[in-house]
Protein backbone atom coordinates (compact mmCIF):
# COMPACT_ATOMS: atom_id res chain seq x y z
CA MET A 1 -67.37 -78.88 82.91
CA PHE A 2 -70.32 -79.09 85.24
CA ASP A 3 -73.83 -77.89 84.69
CA TYR A 4 -75.49 -76.24 87.66
CA SER A 5 -78.80 -77.95 87.09
CA ASN A 6 -79.04 -81.09 84.91
CA GLU A 7 -78.42 -81.86 81.25
CA ILE A 8 -79.24 -78.35 80.04
CA ASP A 9 -78.76 -78.18 76.26
CA SER A 10 -76.93 -81.54 76.50
CA ALA A 11 -73.79 -79.54 77.27
CA SER A 12 -72.95 -81.57 80.33
CA LYS A 13 -74.17 -84.80 81.85
CA CYS A 14 -72.55 -83.87 85.17
CA TRP A 15 -74.02 -81.28 87.43
CA LEU A 16 -73.13 -79.60 90.68
CA HIS A 17 -75.64 -77.59 92.66
CA GLU A 18 -74.50 -74.78 94.94
CA ASN A 19 -75.73 -76.79 97.93
CA ASP A 20 -73.12 -79.42 97.01
CA PHE A 21 -70.14 -77.04 97.22
CA THR A 22 -69.49 -77.92 100.85
CA LYS A 23 -68.90 -81.52 99.74
CA LEU A 24 -65.88 -80.42 97.68
CA LYS A 25 -62.54 -80.93 99.37
CA ARG A 26 -61.13 -77.51 100.22
CA GLY A 27 -57.84 -77.06 98.41
CA ILE A 28 -58.84 -79.26 95.44
CA PHE A 29 -58.43 -76.25 93.09
CA ALA A 30 -55.16 -74.43 92.50
CA LYS A 31 -55.13 -71.02 94.20
CA ASP A 32 -54.93 -69.34 90.78
CA ALA A 33 -57.57 -71.54 89.11
CA PHE A 34 -59.93 -69.73 86.74
CA VAL A 35 -63.48 -70.81 87.54
CA LYS A 36 -66.48 -69.33 85.75
CA SER A 37 -70.16 -70.15 85.77
CA TRP A 38 -72.02 -69.23 82.62
CA GLY A 39 -75.51 -69.61 84.09
CA CYS A 40 -77.95 -66.79 84.70
CA HIS A 41 -77.63 -64.98 88.04
CA THR A 42 -74.75 -67.15 89.30
CA GLY A 43 -72.73 -64.10 90.32
CA GLU A 44 -75.47 -63.03 92.69
CA GLU A 45 -75.05 -65.83 95.26
CA MET A 46 -73.48 -68.92 93.75
CA SER A 47 -70.03 -67.31 93.32
CA GLN A 48 -69.90 -66.35 96.99
CA ARG A 49 -70.95 -69.83 98.11
CA PHE A 50 -68.29 -71.42 95.87
CA ARG A 51 -65.57 -69.18 97.30
CA ALA A 52 -66.70 -69.85 100.87
CA ALA A 53 -66.55 -73.60 100.27
CA THR A 54 -63.35 -73.81 98.21
CA GLY A 55 -61.36 -70.63 98.87
CA VAL A 56 -61.28 -69.94 95.11
CA LYS A 57 -63.04 -67.16 93.18
CA MET A 58 -65.77 -68.15 90.79
CA TYR A 59 -66.92 -65.57 88.26
CA GLY A 60 -70.64 -65.59 87.59
CA ALA A 61 -73.21 -63.46 85.82
CA VAL A 62 -75.14 -60.78 87.61
CA GLY A 63 -78.21 -60.88 85.41
CA ARG A 64 -79.21 -63.20 82.59
CA THR A 65 -77.01 -65.05 80.10
CA ASP A 66 -77.94 -65.96 76.55
CA TYR A 67 -77.03 -69.33 75.01
CA SER A 68 -78.68 -68.72 71.64
CA ASN A 69 -75.46 -68.01 69.72
CA GLY A 70 -74.51 -71.71 69.80
CA THR A 71 -71.14 -71.07 71.44
CA VAL A 72 -70.06 -69.56 74.73
CA PRO A 73 -72.98 -67.74 76.36
CA VAL A 74 -73.01 -63.96 76.52
CA LEU A 75 -74.56 -61.50 78.92
CA ALA A 76 -78.17 -60.98 77.86
CA THR A 77 -78.96 -57.45 79.00
CA PRO A 78 -77.06 -54.14 79.03
CA ASP A 79 -77.06 -54.02 82.84
CA ALA A 80 -75.73 -57.58 83.28
CA HIS A 81 -72.06 -58.03 84.24
CA TRP A 82 -69.57 -60.60 85.53
CA ALA A 83 -68.73 -60.64 89.23
CA ASP A 84 -66.78 -62.82 91.65
């Protein structure tokens, strides 16, 4: 698990910014890998940059996500949705 910023909610001590995606070795992920970013707005640009760098889809949120439930984040607004 990587955080896309740094130590958010102490969920992860490792982070990977979208500008770092080109440093990943293409082919490191299985073609059918399931990759999802739970951060706000990551389906608006970050997913496309991940796919361009790795060749693998990454699902991300179009809109805000809500971490307040203490478990897996959920979409925060009625118009938010997951995209790849």
